[in-house]
């Protein structure tokens, strides 16, 4: 008796490949799907870009589906990806903010678009190879739980998923370590067992975000001034898209002290520079909130917060300070609070919720 029909998003990597195999072993009726979200790649870019979005992923995913005996399809989501990820990414940088395209992609493309299409063809669930777990809590809500191994925890990029999406999602890889997943892949003879993990942003395979944004912007990128917090001009910069709050390297300034980007002002094309001490803060505000383990925040709460993907996290008190705004007050000062990035709040092992840093 099948446990239900599940569409597994297969990137051609080892995690999603083993996720598909595990679900089949657990008694689900599994369909493999690769989301074609990449725009139009040249062959040489395909070869280098072994990430989750490259067309080269299709060959690997198709081979895996064939070897574990599941049907496999490629679905086109280019339009959704362009609108919700690439256009958003470009616009945020032009507005002096530092976006997280993977969070937008997860929420609006990998879940919203794939889930709706999967449900429309009779599936009960979608599944991914993320290192995270989903639990239904005693209050009836679904929440993402940290993976069994913190070394590979991917919950930060998933805080924005809705209750409806979580109710229809399976994440079988979250109970294992990366080494265990690779061992399983080898044991069942998958060619992707030792394929390296994808890095960086899939649609900027060379890592040169600024060139990508210039190509996608409607107007040329203007140069501007580096200034101190009180407005003193320190030198010229190449354009605000080249900088992010907290940045230290690549500024080209010799000030006699380590200099950090404190603020980006798109309206005047100024990049504000200061000292390490000036880059520290005890508080941050965030909006575009999504709560997960609770429906809403009704009183101040002690939580563990991460302000970027590779941040080790810090304790703070969070409270609602507006209809769609929270303020986090940290026990110890934190550095590089970057507008446009996500703050993700943890209540123990569970994602309480999060928002976009203002």
Protein backbone atom coordinates (compact mmCIF):
# COMPACT_ATOMS: atom_id res chain seq x y z
CA UNK A 1 0.00 0.00 0.00
CA UNK A 2 1.54 3.31 -1.10
CA UNK A 3 2.00 6.03 1.50
CA UNK A 4 1.10 8.57 -1.18
CA UNK A 5 2.52 10.14 -4.31
CA UNK A 6 5.55 12.41 -3.87
CA UNK A 7 7.36 14.60 -6.41
CA UNK A 8 11.06 14.83 -5.52
CA UNK A 9 12.94 17.88 -6.74
CA UNK A 10 16.10 16.29 -8.15
CA UNK A 11 19.09 18.54 -8.73
CA UNK A 12 21.44 15.82 -9.90
CA UNK A 13 23.28 16.01 -6.57
CA UNK A 14 23.77 13.27 -4.02
CA UNK A 15 21.32 14.67 -1.42
CA UNK A 16 18.21 14.82 -3.60
CA UNK A 17 19.16 11.51 -5.26
CA UNK A 18 19.29 9.70 -1.91
CA UNK A 19 16.09 11.51 -0.81
CA UNK A 20 14.27 9.94 -3.78
CA UNK A 21 15.67 6.48 -2.96
CA UNK A 22 14.81 6.76 0.75
CA UNK A 23 11.20 7.72 0.01
CA UNK A 24 10.82 4.83 -2.42
CA UNK A 25 12.20 2.49 0.26
CA UNK A 26 9.69 3.94 2.76
CA UNK A 27 6.79 3.00 0.50
CA UNK A 28 5.98 6.23 -1.34
CA UNK A 29 5.06 6.41 -5.02
CA UNK A 30 8.00 8.58 -6.16
CA UNK A 31 8.31 10.80 -9.24
CA UNK A 32 11.60 12.57 -9.97
CA UNK A 33 11.50 16.12 -11.34
CA UNK A 34 14.27 18.54 -12.26
CA UNK A 35 13.20 22.15 -12.26
CA UNK A 36 14.54 23.95 -15.29
CA UNK A 37 14.96 27.38 -13.74
CA UNK A 38 18.23 28.36 -15.29
CA UNK A 39 17.87 30.72 -18.23
CA UNK A 40 19.93 29.78 -21.30
CA UNK A 41 23.32 28.33 -20.57
CA UNK A 42 26.21 27.96 -22.93
CA UNK A 43 27.80 24.52 -22.90
CA UNK A 44 30.98 25.56 -21.15
CA UNK A 45 29.01 27.30 -18.39
CA UNK A 46 26.90 24.18 -17.98
CA UNK A 47 29.98 22.09 -17.38
CA UNK A 48 31.35 24.45 -14.71
CA UNK A 49 27.99 25.10 -13.13
CA UNK A 50 27.29 21.76 -11.52
CA UNK A 51 24.92 23.48 -9.13
CA UNK A 52 21.29 22.83 -8.40
CA UNK A 53 20.09 24.81 -11.39
CA UNK A 54 22.42 23.88 -14.25
CA UNK A 55 21.07 22.06 -17.26
CA UNK A 56 23.94 19.61 -16.70
CA UNK A 57 22.02 18.52 -13.58
CA UNK A 58 19.38 16.96 -15.84
CA UNK A 59 21.69 14.21 -17.12
CA UNK A 60 22.75 13.18 -13.61
CA UNK A 61 19.19 13.27 -12.26
CA UNK A 62 17.84 11.25 -15.19
CA UNK A 63 20.50 8.57 -14.68
CA UNK A 64 19.73 8.37 -10.95
CA UNK A 65 15.96 8.10 -11.57
CA UNK A 66 16.58 5.30 -14.05
CA UNK A 67 18.87 3.38 -11.67
CA UNK A 68 16.41 3.55 -8.73
CA UNK A 69 13.45 2.82 -10.99
CA UNK A 70 11.26 5.93 -10.79
CA UNK A 71 9.65 8.03 -13.54
CA UNK A 72 11.46 11.28 -14.30
CA UNK A 73 10.47 14.60 -15.88
CA UNK A 74 11.92 18.06 -16.48
CA UNK A 75 9.56 20.95 -15.65
CA UNK A 76 10.12 24.48 -16.91
CA UNK A 77 10.01 27.20 -14.24
CA UNK A 78 12.10 29.83 -16.04
CA UNK A 79 9.41 32.51 -15.85
CA UNK A 80 8.86 32.10 -12.11
CA UNK A 81 12.62 32.06 -11.50
CA UNK A 82 13.20 35.22 -13.55
CA UNK A 83 10.49 37.14 -11.71
CA UNK A 84 10.95 35.92 -8.14
CA UNK A 85 14.70 35.42 -8.01
CA UNK A 86 16.71 37.20 -10.72
CA UNK A 87 14.61 40.37 -10.91
CA UNK A 88 14.40 40.54 -7.10
CA UNK A 89 18.17 39.95 -6.74
CA UNK A 90 19.01 42.74 -9.19
CA UNK A 91 16.52 45.22 -7.70
CA UNK A 92 17.71 44.66 -4.13
CA UNK A 93 21.36 45.34 -5.01
CA UNK A 94 20.37 48.50 -6.90
CA UNK A 95 18.51 49.60 -3.74
CA UNK A 96 21.65 49.21 -1.63
CA UNK A 97 20.55 45.96 0.00
CA UNK A 98 22.09 42.46 0.01
CA UNK A 99 19.48 39.87 -1.00
CA UNK A 100 19.40 36.15 -0.32
CA UNK A 101 18.21 34.63 -3.62
CA UNK A 102 18.15 31.05 -2.26
CA UNK A 103 15.50 32.00 0.30
CA UNK A 104 13.37 33.63 -2.42
CA UNK A 105 13.87 30.64 -4.70
CA UNK A 106 12.88 28.19 -1.97
CA UNK A 107 9.71 30.08 -1.05
CA UNK A 108 8.39 31.10 -4.46
CA UNK A 109 9.87 28.66 -6.95
CA UNK A 110 10.97 25.38 -5.36
CA UNK A 111 7.91 25.35 -3.12
CA UNK A 112 5.13 27.66 -4.36
CA UNK A 113 5.48 26.84 -8.06
CA UNK A 114 6.60 23.20 -7.81
CA UNK A 115 4.06 22.36 -5.09
CA UNK A 116 1.11 23.82 -7.01
CA UNK A 117 2.12 22.00 -10.18
CA UNK A 118 2.69 18.74 -8.28
CA UNK A 119 -0.69 18.91 -6.52
CA UNK A 120 -2.34 19.60 -9.89
CA UNK A 121 -0.98 16.31 -11.26
CA UNK A 122 -2.27 14.34 -8.27
CA UNK A 123 0.74 14.32 -5.95
CA UNK A 124 0.28 14.45 -2.18
CA UNK A 125 3.72 15.81 -1.34
CA UNK A 126 6.89 17.33 -2.69
CA UNK A 127 10.29 16.40 -1.27
CA UNK A 128 13.80 17.84 -1.35
CA UNK A 129 17.30 16.86 -0.28
CA UNK A 130 17.61 19.63 2.33
CA UNK A 131 19.30 18.90 5.65
CA UNK A 132 16.31 19.83 7.80
CA UNK A 133 13.31 18.11 9.36
CA UNK A 134 9.60 18.96 9.54
CA UNK A 135 7.52 18.22 12.62
CA UNK A 136 3.89 18.84 13.51
CA UNK A 137 3.91 20.47 16.95
CA UNK A 138 1.45 20.02 19.81
CA UNK A 139 -0.15 23.37 18.92
CA UNK A 140 -1.09 21.92 15.53
CA UNK A 141 1.45 23.97 13.55
CA UNK A 142 4.20 22.64 11.33
CA UNK A 143 7.75 23.77 11.99
CA UNK A 144 11.15 23.17 10.51
CA UNK A 145 13.54 21.51 12.93
CA UNK A 146 17.32 21.60 12.75
CA UNK A 147 18.87 18.64 10.96
CA UNK A 148 20.39 15.72 12.88
CA UNK A 149 23.84 17.13 12.17
CA UNK A 150 24.44 20.85 12.77
CA UNK A 151 27.45 20.78 10.47
CA UNK A 152 25.11 20.61 7.47
CA UNK A 153 21.99 22.29 8.83
CA UNK A 154 20.02 24.11 6.09
CA UNK A 155 17.08 25.42 8.10
CA UNK A 156 18.14 29.09 7.74
CA UNK A 157 17.18 29.21 4.06
CA UNK A 158 13.78 27.58 4.73
CA UNK A 159 12.31 29.88 7.40
CA UNK A 160 9.92 31.53 4.92
CA UNK A 161 7.88 28.44 4.01
CA UNK A 162 4.15 28.56 4.76
CA UNK A 163 2.06 26.15 6.82
CA UNK A 164 0.39 24.90 3.64
CA UNK A 165 3.77 24.21 2.04
CA UNK A 166 5.15 22.44 5.12
CA UNK A 167 2.05 20.23 5.38
CA UNK A 168 2.83 18.89 1.89
CA UNK A 169 6.62 18.57 2.22
CA UNK A 170 8.92 15.66 3.09
CA UNK A 171 12.63 16.07 3.94
CA UNK A 172 14.04 12.57 4.44
CA UNK A 173 17.72 13.60 4.41
CA UNK A 174 17.49 15.68 7.62
CA UNK A 175 17.89 12.62 9.84
CA UNK A 176 21.37 11.82 8.49
CA UNK A 177 24.86 13.29 8.22
CA UNK A 178 26.40 14.10 4.85
CA UNK A 179 28.82 11.19 5.26
CA UNK A 180 25.92 8.79 5.85
CA UNK A 181 24.15 10.09 2.74
CA UNK A 182 27.28 9.59 0.62
CA UNK A 183 27.71 6.08 2.05
CA UNK A 184 24.11 5.20 1.13
CA UNK A 185 24.64 6.54 -2.38
CA UNK A 186 27.74 4.38 -2.79
CA UNK A 187 26.01 1.31 -1.38
CA UNK A 188 23.14 1.59 -3.88
CA UNK A 189 25.56 2.33 -6.71
CA UNK A 190 24.66 5.92 -7.57
CA UNK A 191 27.21 7.61 -9.83
CA UNK A 192 26.70 10.91 -7.99
CA UNK A 193 27.89 9.47 -4.64
CA UNK A 194 31.02 11.64 -4.62
CA UNK A 195 29.78 14.59 -6.66
CA UNK A 196 30.91 17.83 -4.96
CA UNK A 197 28.32 20.10 -3.34
CA UNK A 198 27.17 23.09 -5.36
CA UNK A 199 28.54 26.42 -4.16
CA UNK A 200 27.56 30.06 -4.40
CA UNK A 201 24.61 31.43 -6.35
CA UNK A 202 23.65 29.17 -9.23
CA UNK A 203 22.87 31.91 -11.76
CA UNK A 204 26.19 33.71 -11.09
CA UNK A 205 28.54 30.73 -11.51
CA UNK A 206 31.69 32.88 -11.66
CA UNK A 207 30.73 34.71 -8.46
CA UNK A 208 30.89 38.14 -10.14
CA UNK A 209 27.55 39.51 -8.88
CA UNK A 210 28.30 43.08 -9.91
CA UNK A 211 28.80 42.23 -13.60
CA UNK A 212 25.62 40.16 -13.56
CA UNK A 213 23.64 43.06 -12.07
CA UNK A 214 25.09 45.56 -14.57
CA UNK A 215 23.96 43.29 -17.43
CA UNK A 216 20.46 43.03 -15.93
CA UNK A 217 20.02 46.66 -14.81
CA UNK A 218 18.02 49.15 -16.86
CA UNK A 219 20.55 51.97 -16.43
CA UNK A 220 24.35 52.20 -16.10
CA UNK A 221 25.76 51.86 -12.57
CA UNK A 222 26.97 55.22 -11.27
CA UNK A 223 30.16 55.76 -9.29
CA UNK A 224 29.92 57.61 -5.98
CA UNK A 225 31.77 58.60 -2.85
CA UNK A 226 33.05 56.70 0.14
CA UNK A 227 32.10 58.86 3.13
CA UNK A 228 32.46 58.82 6.91
CA UNK A 229 29.26 58.67 9.01
CA UNK A 230 29.39 62.48 9.35
CA UNK A 231 29.72 63.00 5.59
CA UNK A 232 33.47 63.54 5.05
CA UNK A 233 34.51 62.25 1.60
CA UNK A 234 37.19 59.53 1.73
CA UNK A 235 37.43 58.63 -1.97
CA UNK A 236 35.55 57.30 -4.99
CA UNK A 237 33.87 53.91 -5.30
CA UNK A 238 32.91 51.82 -8.36
CA UNK A 239 29.16 51.81 -7.71
CA UNK A 240 27.02 50.66 -4.77
CA UNK A 241 26.36 47.20 -6.24
CA UNK A 242 30.00 46.28 -5.52
CA UNK A 243 29.56 46.60 -1.74
CA UNK A 244 27.66 45.06 1.15
CA UNK A 245 27.25 46.15 4.77
CA UNK A 246 30.01 44.60 6.89
CA UNK A 247 32.45 44.28 3.97
CA UNK A 248 36.11 44.91 4.77
CA UNK A 249 38.10 43.60 1.80
CA UNK A 250 38.26 45.12 -1.67
CA UNK A 251 37.50 48.70 -0.64
CA UNK A 252 40.79 50.11 -1.96
CA UNK A 253 41.03 52.62 0.89
CA UNK A 254 44.19 53.30 2.91
CA UNK A 255 42.96 54.95 6.09
CA UNK A 256 45.48 53.68 8.61
CA UNK A 257 42.84 51.54 10.34
CA UNK A 258 40.70 48.55 9.26
CA UNK A 259 37.71 50.04 7.40
CA UNK A 260 34.24 48.49 7.15
CA UNK A 261 31.12 49.29 5.14
CA UNK A 262 28.54 50.62 7.62
CA UNK A 263 25.73 51.70 5.30
CA UNK A 264 24.83 52.01 1.62
CA UNK A 265 22.80 55.04 0.51
CA UNK A 266 21.32 54.43 -2.95
CA UNK A 267 19.64 57.84 -3.13
CA UNK A 268 23.03 59.64 -2.97
CA UNK A 269 25.24 56.75 -4.22
CA UNK A 270 27.27 57.00 -1.02
CA UNK A 271 28.98 54.09 0.75
CA UNK A 272 29.50 54.90 4.44
CA UNK A 273 32.79 53.68 5.90
CA UNK A 274 33.74 53.31 9.57
CA UNK A 275 35.75 51.40 12.16
CA UNK A 276 35.19 47.90 13.52
CA UNK A 277 33.60 49.39 16.66
CA UNK A 278 31.18 51.39 14.50
CA UNK A 279 30.17 48.20 12.66
CA UNK A 280 28.83 46.65 15.89
CA UNK A 281 25.23 46.94 17.07
CA UNK A 282 22.98 45.49 19.77
CA UNK A 283 19.71 45.72 17.83
CA UNK A 284 18.16 45.04 14.46
CA UNK A 285 14.71 45.47 12.96
CA UNK A 286 13.10 43.18 10.40
CA UNK A 287 9.88 43.04 8.40
CA UNK A 288 8.25 40.72 5.81
CA UNK A 289 7.76 38.36 8.74
CA UNK A 290 6.91 34.68 8.57
CA UNK A 291 6.15 32.80 11.76
CA UNK A 292 6.42 29.04 11.79
CA UNK A 293 6.22 27.31 15.20
CA UNK A 294 3.81 30.01 16.46
CA UNK A 295 1.04 31.87 14.68
CA UNK A 296 2.31 35.24 15.90
CA UNK A 297 4.54 36.78 18.56
CA UNK A 298 2.36 38.06 21.40
CA UNK A 299 5.05 38.92 23.96
CA UNK A 300 8.85 39.39 24.08
CA UNK A 301 10.71 36.10 23.77
CA UNK A 302 14.26 34.82 24.25
CA UNK A 303 15.50 33.22 21.05
CA UNK A 304 18.67 32.18 19.25
CA UNK A 305 19.07 34.19 16.03
CA UNK A 306 21.12 33.82 12.86
CA UNK A 307 21.65 36.93 10.72
CA UNK A 308 23.21 35.20 7.69
CA UNK A 309 23.64 31.64 6.45
CA UNK A 310 27.12 31.09 7.91
CA UNK A 311 26.53 33.08 11.13
CA UNK A 312 27.01 30.84 14.16
CA UNK A 313 24.06 32.55 15.86
CA UNK A 314 23.58 34.68 18.98
CA UNK A 315 21.06 35.06 21.82
CA UNK A 316 18.60 37.91 21.73
CA UNK A 317 15.19 39.06 22.93
CA UNK A 318 12.68 39.52 20.13
CA UNK A 319 9.47 41.52 20.27
CA UNK A 320 6.83 42.74 17.86
CA UNK A 321 7.25 46.49 17.30
CA UNK A 322 4.75 46.88 14.48
CA UNK A 323 2.10 45.03 12.49
CA UNK A 324 4.85 43.58 10.27
CA UNK A 325 7.99 44.39 12.26
CA UNK A 326 10.11 42.81 14.97
CA UNK A 327 13.06 44.21 16.92
CA UNK A 328 15.80 41.90 18.14
CA UNK A 329 17.99 43.08 21.05
CA UNK A 330 21.16 40.99 21.33
CA UNK A 331 22.94 40.10 24.57
CA UNK A 332 26.32 40.86 23.00
CA UNK A 333 26.97 43.29 20.13
CA UNK A 334 26.90 41.68 16.67
CA UNK A 335 28.70 42.76 13.53
CA UNK A 336 27.53 43.31 9.97
CA UNK A 337 23.77 43.48 10.33
CA UNK A 338 23.03 43.59 6.61
CA UNK A 339 19.78 45.03 5.20
CA UNK A 340 18.16 42.58 2.78
CA UNK A 341 19.50 39.47 4.51
CA UNK A 342 17.26 37.30 6.68
CA UNK A 343 17.22 37.07 10.46
CA UNK A 344 16.02 33.59 11.44
CA UNK A 345 14.84 32.93 14.99
CA UNK A 346 15.15 29.56 16.73
CA UNK A 347 13.19 28.33 19.73
CA UNK A 348 15.31 25.34 20.73
CA UNK A 349 15.65 23.09 17.69
CA UNK A 350 12.67 24.64 15.90
CA UNK A 351 12.41 27.64 13.60
CA UNK A 352 10.18 30.15 15.37
CA UNK A 353 10.14 32.39 12.30
CA UNK A 354 12.11 35.17 10.68
CA UNK A 355 12.07 38.25 8.50
CA UNK A 356 14.06 40.51 6.21
CA UNK A 357 16.54 42.83 7.97
CA UNK A 358 15.74 46.53 7.54
